[in-house]
Amino acid sequence: MEIARAAASDPKLILLDEPMAGLNPQESRELVDIILEMRQQGMTFLFVEHDMETVMSVADKIVVLDFGEKIAEGAPQEIFNNPVVVAAYLGDEEVAI
């Protein structure tokens, strides 16, 4: 509902903070579909999200922060394969930043 309200003013950019928080899997899929449809219409999104499946499915570019510091930036596949990102999220202490 809030995304539709924001889109009604035809903005160039929509900011979302944890849009998947509190949604069940079906609702999350529906929201992803809405975001993808709006992107096809030229809308740009900037969002903070911890659901990596969602991030990987909708983002062209990802910036990864760890304790407030940028540790990686790139396309989804680059981020997925980045050992520093993997270490930050899975706790591998052997990878130095």
PDB file of N, CA and C in Angstrom:
ATOM      1  N   MET A   1       0.816  -1.187   0.000  1.00  0.00           N
ATOM      2  CA  MET A   1       0.000   0.000   0.000  1.00  0.00           C
ATOM      3  C   MET A   1       0.863   1.255   0.000  1.00  0.00           C
ATOM      4  N   GLU A   2       1.874   1.293   0.863  1.00  0.00           N
ATOM      5  CA  GLU A   2       2.731   2.476   0.953  1.00  0.00           C
ATOM      6  C   GLU A   2       3.541   2.675  -0.328  1.00  0.00           C
ATOM      7  N   ILE A   3       3.961   1.586  -0.954  1.00  0.00           N
ATOM      8  CA  ILE A   3       4.709   1.716  -2.206  1.00  0.00           C
ATOM      9  C   ILE A   3       3.815   2.312  -3.278  1.00  0.00           C
ATOM     10  N   ALA A   4       2.576   1.876  -3.348  1.00  0.00           N
ATOM     11  CA  ALA A   4       1.633   2.435  -4.320  1.00  0.00           C
ATOM     12  C   ALA A   4       1.423   3.919  -4.066  1.00  0.00           C
ATOM     13  N   ARG A   5       1.311   4.291  -2.817  1.00  0.00           N
ATOM     14  CA  ARG A   5       1.131   5.706  -2.475  1.00  0.00           C
ATOM     15  C   ARG A   5       2.352   6.514  -2.907  1.00  0.00           C
ATOM     16  N   ALA A   6       3.537   5.990  -2.639  1.00  0.00           N
ATOM     17  CA  ALA A   6       4.766   6.685  -3.028  1.00  0.00           C
ATOM     18  C   ALA A   6       4.875   6.792  -4.543  1.00  0.00           C
ATOM     19  N   ALA A   7       4.497   5.743  -5.245  1.00  0.00           N
ATOM     20  CA  ALA A   7       4.604   5.729  -6.705  1.00  0.00           C
ATOM     21  C   ALA A   7       3.604   6.669  -7.362  1.00  0.00           C
ATOM     22  N   ALA A   8       2.523   6.983  -6.682  1.00  0.00           N
ATOM     23  CA  ALA A   8       1.479   7.835  -7.257  1.00  0.00           C
ATOM     24  C   ALA A   8       1.995   9.219  -7.621  1.00  0.00           C
ATOM     25  N   SER A   9       3.038   9.679  -6.947  1.00  0.00           N
ATOM     26  CA  SER A   9       3.585  11.005  -7.246  1.00  0.00           C
ATOM     27  C   SER A   9       4.657  10.953  -8.335  1.00  0.00           C
ATOM     28  N   ASP A  10       4.830   9.784  -8.964  1.00  0.00           N
ATOM     29  CA  ASP A  10       5.788   9.577 -10.052  1.00  0.00           C
ATOM     30  C   ASP A  10       7.214  10.006  -9.680  1.00  0.00           C
ATOM     31  N   PRO A  11       7.742   9.468  -8.584  1.00  0.00           N
ATOM     32  CA  PRO A  11       9.099   9.853  -8.170  1.00  0.00           C
ATOM     33  C   PRO A  11      10.155   9.191  -9.045  1.00  0.00           C
ATOM     34  N   LYS A  12      11.344   9.731  -9.024  1.00  0.00           N
ATOM     35  CA  LYS A  12      12.473   9.125  -9.727  1.00  0.00           C
ATOM     36  C   LYS A  12      13.098   8.016  -8.883  1.00  0.00           C
ATOM     37  N   LEU A  13      12.944   8.120  -7.558  1.00  0.00           N
ATOM     38  CA  LEU A  13      13.587   7.200  -6.627  1.00  0.00           C
ATOM     39  C   LEU A  13      12.643   6.913  -5.465  1.00  0.00           C
ATOM     40  N   ILE A  14      12.569   5.636  -5.072  1.00  0.00           N
ATOM     41  CA  ILE A  14      11.809   5.245  -3.885  1.00  0.00           C
ATOM     42  C   ILE A  14      12.781   4.596  -2.907  1.00  0.00           C
ATOM     43  N   LEU A  15      12.781   5.084  -1.672  1.00  0.00           N
ATOM     44  CA  LEU A  15      13.624   4.538  -0.615  1.00  0.00           C
ATOM     45  C   LEU A  15      12.796   3.589   0.238  1.00  0.00           C
ATOM     46  N   LEU A  16      13.318   2.397   0.476  1.00  0.00           N
ATOM     47  CA  LEU A  16      12.618   1.401   1.289  1.00  0.00           C
ATOM     48  C   LEU A  16      13.555   0.900   2.382  1.00  0.00           C
ATOM     49  N   ASP A  17      13.051   0.852   3.603  1.00  0.00           N
ATOM     50  CA  ASP A  17      13.832   0.345   4.729  1.00  0.00           C
ATOM     51  C   ASP A  17      13.208  -0.961   5.197  1.00  0.00           C
ATOM     52  N   GLU A  18      13.911  -2.061   4.957  1.00  0.00           N
ATOM     53  CA  GLU A  18      13.443  -3.396   5.338  1.00  0.00           C
ATOM     54  C   GLU A  18      12.020  -3.680   4.845  1.00  0.00           C
ATOM     55  N   PRO A  19      11.786  -3.576   3.540  1.00  0.00           N
ATOM     56  CA  PRO A  19      10.418  -3.765   3.039  1.00  0.00           C
ATOM     57  C   PRO A  19       9.863  -5.171   3.256  1.00  0.00           C
ATOM     58  N   MET A  20      10.719  -6.165   3.440  1.00  0.00           N
ATOM     59  CA  MET A  20      10.242  -7.538   3.620  1.00  0.00           C
ATOM     60  C   MET A  20       9.980  -7.895   5.085  1.00  0.00           C
ATOM     61  N   ALA A  21      10.341  -6.993   5.996  1.00  0.00           N
ATOM     62  CA  ALA A  21      10.159  -7.266   7.427  1.00  0.00           C
ATOM     63  C   ALA A  21       8.683  -7.488   7.744  1.00  0.00           C
ATOM     64  N   GLY A  22       8.402  -8.582   8.407  1.00  0.00           N
ATOM     65  CA  GLY A  22       7.041  -8.878   8.829  1.00  0.00           C
ATOM     66  C   GLY A  22       6.157  -9.509   7.774  1.00  0.00           C
ATOM     67  N   LEU A  23       6.700  -9.730   6.576  1.00  0.00           N
ATOM     68  CA  LEU A  23       5.904 -10.347   5.512  1.00  0.00           C
ATOM     69  C   LEU A  23       6.118 -11.853   5.504  1.00  0.00           C
ATOM     70  N   ASN A  24       5.067 -12.587   5.161  1.00  0.00           N
ATOM     71  CA  ASN A  24       5.230 -14.025   4.989  1.00  0.00           C
ATOM     72  C   ASN A  24       5.825 -14.274   3.600  1.00  0.00           C
ATOM     73  N   PRO A  25       6.256 -15.490   3.295  1.00  0.00           N
ATOM     74  CA  PRO A  25       6.900 -15.758   2.004  1.00  0.00           C
ATOM     75  C   PRO A  25       6.052 -15.360   0.791  1.00  0.00           C
ATOM     76  N   GLN A  26       4.760 -15.609   0.827  1.00  0.00           N
ATOM     77  CA  GLN A  26       3.892 -15.244  -0.296  1.00  0.00           C
ATOM     78  C   GLN A  26       3.843 -13.728  -0.469  1.00  0.00           C
ATOM     79  N   GLU A  27       3.699 -13.011   0.625  1.00  0.00           N
ATOM     80  CA  GLU A  27       3.662 -11.549   0.557  1.00  0.00           C
ATOM     81  C   GLU A  27       4.993 -10.998   0.052  1.00  0.00           C
ATOM     82  N   SER A  28       6.094 -11.603   0.463  1.00  0.00           N
ATOM     83  CA  SER A  28       7.415 -11.177  -0.007  1.00  0.00           C
ATOM     84  C   SER A  28       7.540 -11.355  -1.510  1.00  0.00           C
ATOM     85  N   ARG A  29       7.083 -12.503  -2.027  1.00  0.00           N
ATOM     86  CA  ARG A  29       7.135 -12.743  -3.477  1.00  0.00           C
ATOM     87  C   ARG A  29       6.285 -11.720  -4.224  1.00  0.00           C
ATOM     88  N   GLU A  30       5.115 -11.419  -3.679  1.00  0.00           N
ATOM     89  CA  GLU A  30       4.240 -10.433  -4.318  1.00  0.00           C
ATOM     90  C   GLU A  30       4.890  -9.052  -4.332  1.00  0.00           C
ATOM     91  N   LEU A  31       5.546  -8.681  -3.238  1.00  0.00           N
ATOM     92  CA  LEU A  31       6.218  -7.387  -3.192  1.00  0.00           C
ATOM     93  C   LEU A  31       7.388  -7.344  -4.169  1.00  0.00           C
ATOM     94  N   VAL A  32       8.145  -8.430  -4.270  1.00  0.00           N
ATOM     95  CA  VAL A  32       9.229  -8.494  -5.252  1.00  0.00           C
ATOM     96  C   VAL A  32       8.669  -8.302  -6.653  1.00  0.00           C
ATOM     97  N   ASP A  33       7.565  -8.949  -6.970  1.00  0.00           N
ATOM     98  CA  ASP A  33       6.942  -8.792  -8.289  1.00  0.00           C
ATOM     99  C   ASP A  33       6.552  -7.343  -8.548  1.00  0.00           C
ATOM    100  N   ILE A  34       6.007  -6.680  -7.538  1.00  0.00           N
ATOM    101  CA  ILE A  34       5.623  -5.267  -7.677  1.00  0.00           C
ATOM    102  C   ILE A  34       6.852  -4.404  -7.928  1.00  0.00           C
ATOM    103  N   ILE A  35       7.912  -4.640  -7.162  1.00  0.00           N
ATOM    104  CA  ILE A  35       9.141  -3.864  -7.334  1.00  0.00           C
ATOM    105  C   ILE A  35       9.718  -4.084  -8.725  1.00  0.00           C
ATOM    106  N   LEU A  36       9.762  -5.335  -9.182  1.00  0.00           N
ATOM    107  CA  LEU A  36      10.299  -5.622 -10.518  1.00  0.00           C
ATOM    108  C   LEU A  36       9.463  -4.959 -11.606  1.00  0.00           C
ATOM    109  N   GLU A  37       8.158  -4.974 -11.454  1.00  0.00           N
ATOM    110  CA  GLU A  37       7.283  -4.326 -12.433  1.00  0.00           C
ATOM    111  C   GLU A  37       7.522  -2.816 -12.460  1.00  0.00           C
ATOM    112  N   MET A  38       7.658  -2.225 -11.299  1.00  0.00           N
ATOM    113  CA  MET A  38       7.902  -0.785 -11.231  1.00  0.00           C
ATOM    114  C   MET A  38       9.273  -0.436 -11.805  1.00  0.00           C
ATOM    115  N   ARG A  39      10.250  -1.294 -11.606  1.00  0.00           N
ATOM    116  CA  ARG A  39      11.579  -1.061 -12.190  1.00  0.00           C
ATOM    117  C   ARG A  39      11.508  -1.094 -13.709  1.00  0.00           C
ATOM    118  N   GLN A  40      10.692  -1.992 -14.255  1.00  0.00           N
ATOM    119  CA  GLN A  40      10.535  -2.063 -15.710  1.00  0.00           C
ATOM    120  C   GLN A  40       9.926  -0.785 -16.265  1.00  0.00           C
ATOM    121  N   GLN A  41       9.197  -0.076 -15.424  1.00  0.00           N
ATOM    122  CA  GLN A  41       8.585   1.187 -15.830  1.00  0.00           C
ATOM    123  C   GLN A  41       9.524   2.373 -15.601  1.00  0.00           C
ATOM    124  N   GLY A  42      10.761   2.094 -15.197  1.00  0.00           N
ATOM    125  CA  GLY A  42      11.757   3.143 -15.046  1.00  0.00           C
ATOM    126  C   GLY A  42      11.964   3.661 -13.637  1.00  0.00           C
ATOM    127  N   MET A  43      11.311   3.071 -12.659  1.00  0.00           N
ATOM    128  CA  MET A  43      11.446   3.500 -11.269  1.00  0.00           C
ATOM    129  C   MET A  43      12.758   2.957 -10.696  1.00  0.00           C
ATOM    130  N   THR A  44      13.418   3.752  -9.872  1.00  0.00           N
ATOM    131  CA  THR A  44      14.646   3.340  -9.202  1.00  0.00           C
ATOM    132  C   THR A  44      14.360   3.153  -7.719  1.00  0.00           C
ATOM    133  N   PHE A  45      14.931   2.097  -7.146  1.00  0.00           N
ATOM    134  CA  PHE A  45      14.740   1.797  -5.730  1.00  0.00           C
ATOM    135  C   PHE A  45      16.088   1.776  -5.026  1.00  0.00           C
ATOM    136  N   LEU A  46      16.095   2.298  -3.826  1.00  0.00           N
ATOM    137  CA  LEU A  46      17.233   2.175  -2.925  1.00  0.00           C
ATOM    138  C   LEU A  46      16.666   1.606  -1.640  1.00  0.00           C
ATOM    139  N   PHE A  47      17.155   0.418  -1.262  1.00  0.00           N
ATOM    140  CA  PHE A  47      16.610  -0.138  -0.030  1.00  0.00           C
ATOM    141  C   PHE A  47      17.638  -0.867   0.805  1.00  0.00           C
ATOM    142  N   VAL A  48      17.327  -0.886   2.089  1.00  0.00           N
ATOM    143  CA  VAL A  48      18.091  -1.637   3.080  1.00  0.00           C
ATOM    144  C   VAL A  48      17.303  -2.912   3.311  1.00  0.00           C
ATOM    145  N   GLU A  49      17.972  -4.045   3.182  1.00  0.00           N
ATOM    146  CA  GLU A  49      17.254  -5.314   3.324  1.00  0.00           C
ATOM    147  C   GLU A  49      18.222  -6.398   3.772  1.00  0.00           C
ATOM    148  N   HIS A  50      17.799  -7.212   4.722  1.00  0.00           N
ATOM    149  CA  HIS A  50      18.615  -8.329   5.194  1.00  0.00           C
ATOM    150  C   HIS A  50      18.261  -9.646   4.504  1.00  0.00           C
ATOM    151  N   ASP A  51      17.189  -9.672   3.769  1.00  0.00           N
ATOM    152  CA  ASP A  51      16.771 -10.878   3.049  1.00  0.00           C
ATOM    153  C   ASP A  51      17.585 -10.958   1.753  1.00  0.00           C
ATOM    154  N   MET A  52      18.663 -11.733   1.793  1.00  0.00           N
ATOM    155  CA  MET A  52      19.590 -11.785   0.664  1.00  0.00           C
ATOM    156  C   MET A  52      18.967 -12.358  -0.599  1.00  0.00           C
ATOM    157  N   GLU A  53      18.027 -13.269  -0.458  1.00  0.00           N
ATOM    158  CA  GLU A  53      17.350 -13.803  -1.642  1.00  0.00           C
ATOM    159  C   GLU A  53      16.629 -12.677  -2.380  1.00  0.00           C
ATOM    160  N   THR A  54      15.973 -11.822  -1.634  1.00  0.00           N
ATOM    161  CA  THR A  54      15.286 -10.682  -2.231  1.00  0.00           C
ATOM    162  C   THR A  54      16.282  -9.737  -2.880  1.00  0.00           C
ATOM    163  N   VAL A  55      17.326  -9.399  -2.166  1.00  0.00           N
ATOM    164  CA  VAL A  55      18.332  -8.478  -2.692  1.00  0.00           C
ATOM    165  C   VAL A  55      18.902  -9.009  -4.001  1.00  0.00           C
ATOM    166  N   MET A  56      19.273 -10.279  -4.014  1.00  0.00           N
ATOM    167  CA  MET A  56      19.868 -10.863  -5.214  1.00  0.00           C
ATOM    168  C   MET A  56      18.887 -10.903  -6.385  1.00  0.00           C
ATOM    169  N   SER A  57      17.605 -10.997  -6.095  1.00  0.00           N
ATOM    170  CA  SER A  57      16.627 -11.116  -7.180  1.00  0.00           C
ATOM    171  C   SER A  57      16.194  -9.784  -7.768  1.00  0.00           C
ATOM    172  N   VAL A  58      16.375  -8.681  -7.044  1.00  0.00           N
ATOM    173  CA  VAL A  58      15.872  -7.406  -7.567  1.00  0.00           C
ATOM    174  C   VAL A  58      16.954  -6.374  -7.848  1.00  0.00           C
ATOM    175  N   ALA A  59      18.146  -6.552  -7.325  1.00  0.00           N
ATOM    176  CA  ALA A  59      19.166  -5.507  -7.428  1.00  0.00           C
ATOM    177  C   ALA A  59      20.040  -5.649  -8.666  1.00  0.00           C
ATOM    178  N   ASP A  60      20.379  -4.505  -9.249  1.00  0.00           N
ATOM    179  CA  ASP A  60      21.395  -4.446 -10.301  1.00  0.00           C
ATOM    180  C   ASP A  60      22.767  -4.218  -9.679  1.00  0.00           C
ATOM    181  N   LYS A  61      22.762  -3.445  -8.602  1.00  0.00           N
ATOM    182  CA  LYS A  61      23.994  -3.089  -7.905  1.00  0.00           C
ATOM    183  C   LYS A  61      23.734  -3.217  -6.408  1.00  0.00           C
ATOM    184  N   ILE A  62      24.710  -3.784  -5.708  1.00  0.00           N
ATOM    185  CA  ILE A  62      24.585  -4.001  -4.268  1.00  0.00           C
ATOM    186  C   ILE A  62      25.789  -3.375  -3.571  1.00  0.00           C
ATOM    187  N   VAL A  63      25.520  -2.697  -2.471  1.00  0.00           N
ATOM    188  CA  VAL A  63      26.570  -2.198  -1.590  1.00  0.00           C
ATOM    189  C   VAL A  63      26.392  -2.929  -0.265  1.00  0.00           C
ATOM    190  N   VAL A  64      27.455  -3.560   0.215  1.00  0.00           N
ATOM    191  CA  VAL A  64      27.388  -4.333   1.454  1.00  0.00           C
ATOM    192  C   VAL A  64      28.108  -3.569   2.555  1.00  0.00           C
ATOM    193  N   LEU A  65      27.395  -3.378   3.662  1.00  0.00           N
ATOM    194  CA  LEU A  65      27.973  -2.740   4.837  1.00  0.00           C
ATOM    195  C   LEU A  65      28.152  -3.781   5.932  1.00  0.00           C
ATOM    196  N   ASP A  66      29.235  -3.649   6.671  1.00  0.00           N
ATOM    197  CA  ASP A  66      29.480  -4.491   7.833  1.00  0.00           C
ATOM    198  C   ASP A  66      29.868  -3.562   8.976  1.00  0.00           C
ATOM    199  N   PHE A  67      29.021  -3.490   9.987  1.00  0.00           N
ATOM    200  CA  PHE A  67      29.228  -2.574  11.104  1.00  0.00           C
ATOM    201  C   PHE A  67      29.451  -1.141  10.618  1.00  0.00           C
ATOM    202  N   GLY A  68      28.662  -0.730   9.620  1.00  0.00           N
ATOM    203  CA  GLY A  68      28.693   0.642   9.130  1.00  0.00           C
ATOM    204  C   GLY A  68      29.768   0.954   8.114  1.00  0.00           C
ATOM    205  N   GLU A  69      30.609  -0.004   7.782  1.00  0.00           N
ATOM    206  CA  GLU A  69      31.663   0.222   6.799  1.00  0.00           C
ATOM    207  C   GLU A  69      31.366  -0.543   5.521  1.00  0.00           C
ATOM    208  N   LYS A  70      31.591   0.116   4.386  1.00  0.00           N
ATOM    209  CA  LYS A  70      31.385  -0.544   3.102  1.00  0.00           C
ATOM    210  C   LYS A  70      32.490  -1.570   2.891  1.00  0.00           C
ATOM    211  N   ILE A  71      32.076  -2.824   2.674  1.00  0.00           N
ATOM    212  CA  ILE A  71      33.068  -3.879   2.447  1.00  0.00           C
ATOM    213  C   ILE A  71      33.029  -4.410   1.019  1.00  0.00           C
ATOM    214  N   ALA A  72      31.967  -4.078   0.276  1.00  0.00           N
ATOM    215  CA  ALA A  72      31.885  -4.554  -1.105  1.00  0.00           C
ATOM    216  C   ALA A  72      30.831  -3.758  -1.863  1.00  0.00           C
ATOM    217  N   GLU A  73      31.015  -3.720  -3.170  1.00  0.00           N
ATOM    218  CA  GLU A  73      30.061  -3.076  -4.063  1.00  0.00           C
ATOM    219  C   GLU A  73      30.162  -3.769  -5.412  1.00  0.00           C
ATOM    220  N   GLY A  74      29.017  -4.070  -6.006  1.00  0.00           N
ATOM    221  CA  GLY A  74      29.049  -4.696  -7.314  1.00  0.00           C
ATOM    222  C   GLY A  74      27.731  -5.334  -7.689  1.00  0.00           C
ATOM    223  N   ALA A  75      27.771  -6.073  -8.772  1.00  0.00           N
ATOM    224  CA  ALA A  75      26.599  -6.801  -9.259  1.00  0.00           C
ATOM    225  C   ALA A  75      26.303  -7.967  -8.313  1.00  0.00           C
ATOM    226  N   PRO A  76      25.072  -8.459  -8.315  1.00  0.00           N
ATOM    227  CA  PRO A  76      24.717  -9.556  -7.405  1.00  0.00           C
ATOM    228  C   PRO A  76      25.677 -10.746  -7.448  1.00  0.00           C
ATOM    229  N   GLN A  77      26.072 -11.181  -8.627  1.00  0.00           N
ATOM    230  CA  GLN A  77      26.954 -12.349  -8.715  1.00  0.00           C
ATOM    231  C   GLN A  77      28.327 -12.061  -8.116  1.00  0.00           C
ATOM    232  N   GLU A  78      28.824 -10.826  -8.305  1.00  0.00           N
ATOM    233  CA  GLU A  78      30.102 -10.446  -7.699  1.00  0.00           C
ATOM    234  C   GLU A  78      30.014 -10.495  -6.175  1.00  0.00           C
ATOM    235  N   ILE A  79      28.929  -9.974  -5.646  1.00  0.00           N
ATOM    236  CA  ILE A  79      28.734  -9.952  -4.199  1.00  0.00           C
ATOM    237  C   ILE A  79      28.601 -11.374  -3.659  1.00  0.00           C
ATOM    238  N   PHE A  80      27.845 -12.197  -4.364  1.00  0.00           N
ATOM    239  CA  PHE A  80      27.626 -13.585  -3.946  1.00  0.00           C
ATOM    240  C   PHE A  80      28.943 -14.341  -3.819  1.00  0.00           C
ATOM    241  N   ASN A  81      29.892 -14.041  -4.716  1.00  0.00           N
ATOM    242  CA  ASN A  81      31.173 -14.751  -4.742  1.00  0.00           C
ATOM    243  C   ASN A  81      32.293 -14.040  -3.990  1.00  0.00           C
ATOM    244  N   ASN A  82      32.002 -12.922  -3.355  1.00  0.00           N
ATOM    245  CA  ASN A  82      33.025 -12.135  -2.685  1.00  0.00           C
ATOM    246  C   ASN A  82      33.373 -12.767  -1.328  1.00  0.00           C
ATOM    247  N   PRO A  83      34.630 -13.197  -1.138  1.00  0.00           N
ATOM    248  CA  PRO A  83      34.997 -13.875   0.109  1.00  0.00           C
ATOM    249  C   PRO A  83      34.886 -12.979   1.346  1.00  0.00           C
ATOM    250  N   VAL A  84      35.071 -11.681   1.182  1.00  0.00           N
ATOM    251  CA  VAL A  84      34.948 -10.767   2.319  1.00  0.00           C
ATOM    252  C   VAL A  84      33.493 -10.695   2.773  1.00  0.00           C
ATOM    253  N   VAL A  85      32.573 -10.665   1.819  1.00  0.00           N
ATOM    254  CA  VAL A  85      31.144 -10.642   2.150  1.00  0.00           C
ATOM    255  C   VAL A  85      30.748 -11.957   2.811  1.00  0.00           C
ATOM    256  N   VAL A  86      31.186 -13.052   2.240  1.00  0.00           N
ATOM    257  CA  VAL A  86      30.871 -14.366   2.814  1.00  0.00           C
ATOM    258  C   VAL A  86      31.391 -14.440   4.248  1.00  0.00           C
ATOM    259  N   ALA A  87      32.613 -13.976   4.469  1.00  0.00           N
ATOM    260  CA  ALA A  87      33.189 -14.008   5.814  1.00  0.00           C
ATOM    261  C   ALA A  87      32.387 -13.144   6.784  1.00  0.00           C
ATOM    262  N   ALA A  88      31.971 -11.973   6.337  1.00  0.00           N
ATOM    263  CA  ALA A  88      31.220 -11.065   7.210  1.00  0.00           C
ATOM    264  C   ALA A  88      29.882 -11.660   7.613  1.00  0.00           C
ATOM    265  N   TYR A  89      29.240 -12.356   6.691  1.00  0.00           N
ATOM    266  CA  TYR A  89      27.903 -12.870   6.976  1.00  0.00           C
ATOM    267  C   TYR A  89      27.890 -14.284   7.537  1.00  0.00           C
ATOM    268  N   LEU A  90      28.967 -15.040   7.302  1.00  0.00           N
ATOM    269  CA  LEU A  90      29.011 -16.405   7.814  1.00  0.00           C
ATOM    270  C   LEU A  90      30.019 -16.574   8.941  1.00  0.00           C
ATOM    271  N   GLY A  91      30.807 -15.525   9.207  1.00  0.00           N
ATOM    272  CA  GLY A  91      31.694 -15.558  10.356  1.00  0.00           C
ATOM    273  C   GLY A  91      33.035 -16.219  10.151  1.00  0.00           C
ATOM    274  N   ASP A  92      33.571 -16.212   8.934  1.00  0.00           N
ATOM    275  CA  ASP A  92      34.894 -16.782   8.685  1.00  0.00           C
ATOM    276  C   ASP A  92      35.951 -15.799   9.169  1.00  0.00           C
ATOM    277  N   GLU A  93      36.612 -16.124  10.265  1.00  0.00           N
ATOM    278  CA  GLU A  93      37.598 -15.225  10.856  1.00  0.00           C
ATOM    279  C   GLU A  93      38.923 -15.211  10.103  1.00  0.00           C
ATOM    280  N   GLU A  94      39.118 -16.127   9.173  1.00  0.00           N
ATOM    281  CA  GLU A  94      40.390 -16.205   8.463  1.00  0.00           C
ATOM    282  C   GLU A  94      40.496 -15.204   7.323  1.00  0.00           C
ATOM    283  N   VAL A  95      39.391 -14.621   6.906  1.00  0.00           N
ATOM    284  CA  VAL A  95      39.421 -13.663   5.806  1.00  0.00           C
ATOM    285  C   VAL A  95      39.622 -12.278   6.394  1.00  0.00           C
ATOM    286  N   ALA A  96      40.709 -11.630   6.003  1.00  0.00           N
ATOM    287  CA  ALA A  96      40.997 -10.284   6.510  1.00  0.00           C
ATOM    288  C   ALA A  96      40.372  -9.244   5.592  1.00  0.00           C
ATOM    289  N   ILE A  97      39.873  -8.204   6.195  1.00  0.00           N
ATOM    290  CA  ILE A  97      39.283  -7.106   5.406  1.00  0.00           C
ATOM    291  C   ILE A  97      40.363  -6.106   5.091  1.00  0.00           C
TER     292      ILE A  97
END
